[in-house]
Protein backbone atom coordinates (compact mmCIF):
# COMPACT_ATOMS: atom_id res chain seq x y z
CA UNK A 1 71.54 95.78 100.67
CA UNK A 2 72.67 92.88 98.31
CA UNK A 3 75.30 90.86 97.50
CA UNK A 4 75.23 89.73 93.12
CA UNK A 5 77.65 87.23 92.35
CA UNK A 6 78.28 87.28 88.22
CA UNK A 7 78.07 83.69 88.36
CA UNK A 8 74.62 83.71 89.71
CA UNK A 9 73.19 86.48 88.15
CA UNK A 10 75.12 86.54 84.25
CA UNK A 11 72.45 88.05 82.60
CA UNK A 12 73.87 91.21 84.30
CA UNK A 13 77.47 90.56 83.35
CA UNK A 14 78.12 93.74 81.12
CA UNK A 15 77.52 95.73 84.47
CA UNK A 16 80.15 94.15 86.86
CA UNK A 17 82.26 94.54 83.47
CA UNK A 18 81.56 98.05 83.02
CA UNK A 19 81.58 99.00 87.15
CA UNK A 20 84.95 97.34 87.47
CA UNK A 21 86.40 99.12 84.41
CA UNK A 22 85.02 102.66 85.77
CA UNK A 23 86.73 101.82 89.17
CA UNK A 24 89.46 100.21 88.03
CA UNK A 25 90.50 99.92 84.74
CA UNK A 26 92.96 102.47 82.60
CA UNK A 27 92.24 102.50 78.63
CA UNK A 28 95.14 99.70 78.28
CA UNK A 29 93.32 96.86 80.89
CA UNK A 30 89.87 97.61 80.16
CA UNK A 31 89.84 94.22 78.41
CA UNK A 32 91.14 92.20 81.50
CA UNK A 33 88.07 92.99 83.33
CA UNK A 34 85.98 91.87 80.48
CA UNK A 35 87.64 88.72 79.63
CA UNK A 36 87.94 88.17 83.33
CA UNK A 37 84.32 88.48 84.05
CA UNK A 38 83.17 86.93 81.14
CA UNK A 39 85.56 83.69 81.11
CA UNK A 40 84.33 83.07 84.66
CA UNK A 41 80.61 82.27 83.21
CA UNK A 42 80.97 79.02 82.08
CA UNK A 43 84.14 78.04 83.98
CA UNK A 44 84.19 74.77 86.31
CA UNK A 45 86.91 76.32 88.88
CA UNK A 46 85.10 78.41 91.81
CA UNK A 47 87.78 81.22 90.88
CA UNK A 48 87.56 84.19 89.65
CA UNK A 49 84.34 85.43 90.87
CA UNK A 50 82.98 88.81 90.87
CA UNK A 51 80.39 90.92 93.78
CA UNK A 52 78.08 93.84 93.02
CA UNK A 53 77.12 95.54 96.38
CA UNK A 54 73.26 96.84 95.87
CA UNK A 55 70.83 98.75 97.25
CA UNK A 56 67.89 98.65 95.05
CA UNK A 57 68.91 99.76 91.34
CA UNK A 58 72.03 101.70 92.66
CA UNK A 59 75.88 99.83 92.57
CA UNK A 60 77.36 100.78 96.05
CA UNK A 61 80.30 98.70 95.71
CA UNK A 62 82.18 95.82 94.73
CA UNK A 63 84.66 93.70 94.96
CA UNK A 64 86.72 90.20 93.14
CA UNK A 65 88.10 86.97 94.31
CA UNK A 66 90.64 85.82 92.20
CA UNK A 67 93.59 83.38 91.98
CA UNK A 68 96.37 85.96 91.83
CA UNK A 69 95.95 90.06 91.99
CA UNK A 70 99.60 90.54 89.78
CA UNK A 71 101.84 90.05 92.77
CA UNK A 72 105.00 87.83 92.80
CA UNK A 73 103.39 85.76 95.44
CA UNK A 74 102.39 83.04 92.94
CA UNK A 75 102.03 80.28 95.90
CA UNK A 76 98.94 82.26 98.09
CA UNK A 77 95.65 82.09 96.85
CA UNK A 78 92.73 83.60 96.72
CA UNK A 79 93.03 86.69 96.58
CA UNK A 80 90.22 89.26 97.58
CA UNK A 81 90.52 92.52 94.84
CA UNK A 82 89.22 95.57 93.55
CA UNK A 83 87.36 96.14 96.68
CA UNK A 84 85.13 99.45 96.18
CA UNK A 85 82.64 101.25 98.65
CA UNK A 86 81.12 104.07 96.54
CA UNK A 87 81.88 107.57 98.35
CA UNK A 88 78.17 108.68 99.31
CA UNK A 89 77.97 104.80 100.64
CA UNK A 90 81.06 104.98 102.84
CA UNK A 91 80.88 104.84 106.78
CA UNK A 92 77.81 102.22 106.56
CA UNK A 93 80.50 99.32 106.70
CA UNK A 94 79.55 97.96 103.20
CA UNK A 95 83.55 96.94 102.85
CA UNK A 96 82.73 94.56 105.56
CA UNK A 97 79.80 92.74 103.40
CA UNK A 98 81.67 92.08 100.90
CA UNK A 99 84.71 91.15 102.40
CA UNK A 100 82.42 88.53 104.42
CA UNK A 101 80.96 87.22 100.76
CA UNK A 102 84.57 86.96 99.43
CA UNK A 103 85.59 85.00 102.67
CA UNK A 104 82.30 82.52 102.58
CA UNK A 105 82.70 81.59 99.38
CA UNK A 106 86.52 80.98 99.43
CA UNK A 107 85.68 78.37 102.92
CA UNK A 108 82.84 76.62 100.37
CA UNK A 109 86.12 76.42 97.80
CA UNK A 110 87.66 74.96 100.57
CA UNK A 111 90.54 77.58 100.64
CA UNK A 112 91.88 78.15 104.79
CA UNK A 113 93.05 81.75 103.69
CA UNK A 114 91.98 84.54 101.98
CA UNK A 115 94.75 87.23 101.03
CA UNK A 116 95.08 90.68 99.52
CA UNK A 117 97.36 93.09 98.45
CA UNK A 118 97.00 97.06 99.50
CA UNK A 119 98.86 100.08 100.46
CA UNK A 120 96.14 100.72 102.87
CA UNK A 121 97.50 100.08 107.00
CA UNK A 122 94.45 99.97 109.13
CA UNK A 123 91.50 99.49 107.46
CA UNK A 124 91.55 95.49 106.47
CA UNK A 125 93.13 94.35 110.03
CA UNK A 126 89.44 95.52 111.23
CA UNK A 127 88.13 92.67 109.37
CA UNK A 128 90.62 89.86 110.95
CA UNK A 129 93.80 90.65 107.89
CA UNK A 130 97.27 90.07 109.22
CA UNK A 131 100.09 91.97 107.48
CA UNK A 132 102.16 88.81 105.89
CA UNK A 133 104.79 89.99 104.13
CA UNK A 134 105.64 92.52 100.97
CA UNK A 135 104.95 91.41 97.46
CA UNK A 136 106.37 92.83 94.21
CA UNK A 137 104.40 93.66 90.86
CA UNK A 138 105.43 93.35 87.15
CA UNK A 139 104.96 96.99 86.96
CA UNK A 140 107.89 97.80 89.46
CA UNK A 141 106.04 98.77 92.26
CA UNK A 142 105.67 96.79 95.66
CA UNK A 143 101.83 96.28 97.91
CA UNK A 144 101.47 95.29 101.63
CA UNK A 145 100.57 91.43 101.36
CA UNK A 146 97.51 90.48 104.28
CA UNK A 147 95.89 87.43 105.38
CA UNK A 148 92.72 86.55 107.15
CA UNK A 149 91.74 82.90 108.03
CA UNK A 150 88.46 81.74 106.62
């Protein structure tokens, strides 16, 4: 398994865009992923960052490291987002590889914590995340906010 960073492999940016749009975007939100991924390629900021987990030519999963995940807690950053492991690749701890890479890159950028928002209970706790608070999304829903020390 190999984790690719879009910043380290900019020639594959379209592959990253396609993957995240396929897994997370609605028709209206597709431009969000394209703009975010393309804009980070030349940014001096360490955020955002996007990852693909590959097994040869097959994409096994992906994740992002972003400044905010469309949630009310603008005082917290960076955020792990869009973590996804393909169904036929689950059960092998591949999500932990993507989480570890995001934590490592966040630590190298000088951050002491990594945050995420989710409705899942029990998964992220296995990787050092603790429930912090409830956060609110602009579209009227709320999510659990978790924090992990880096």
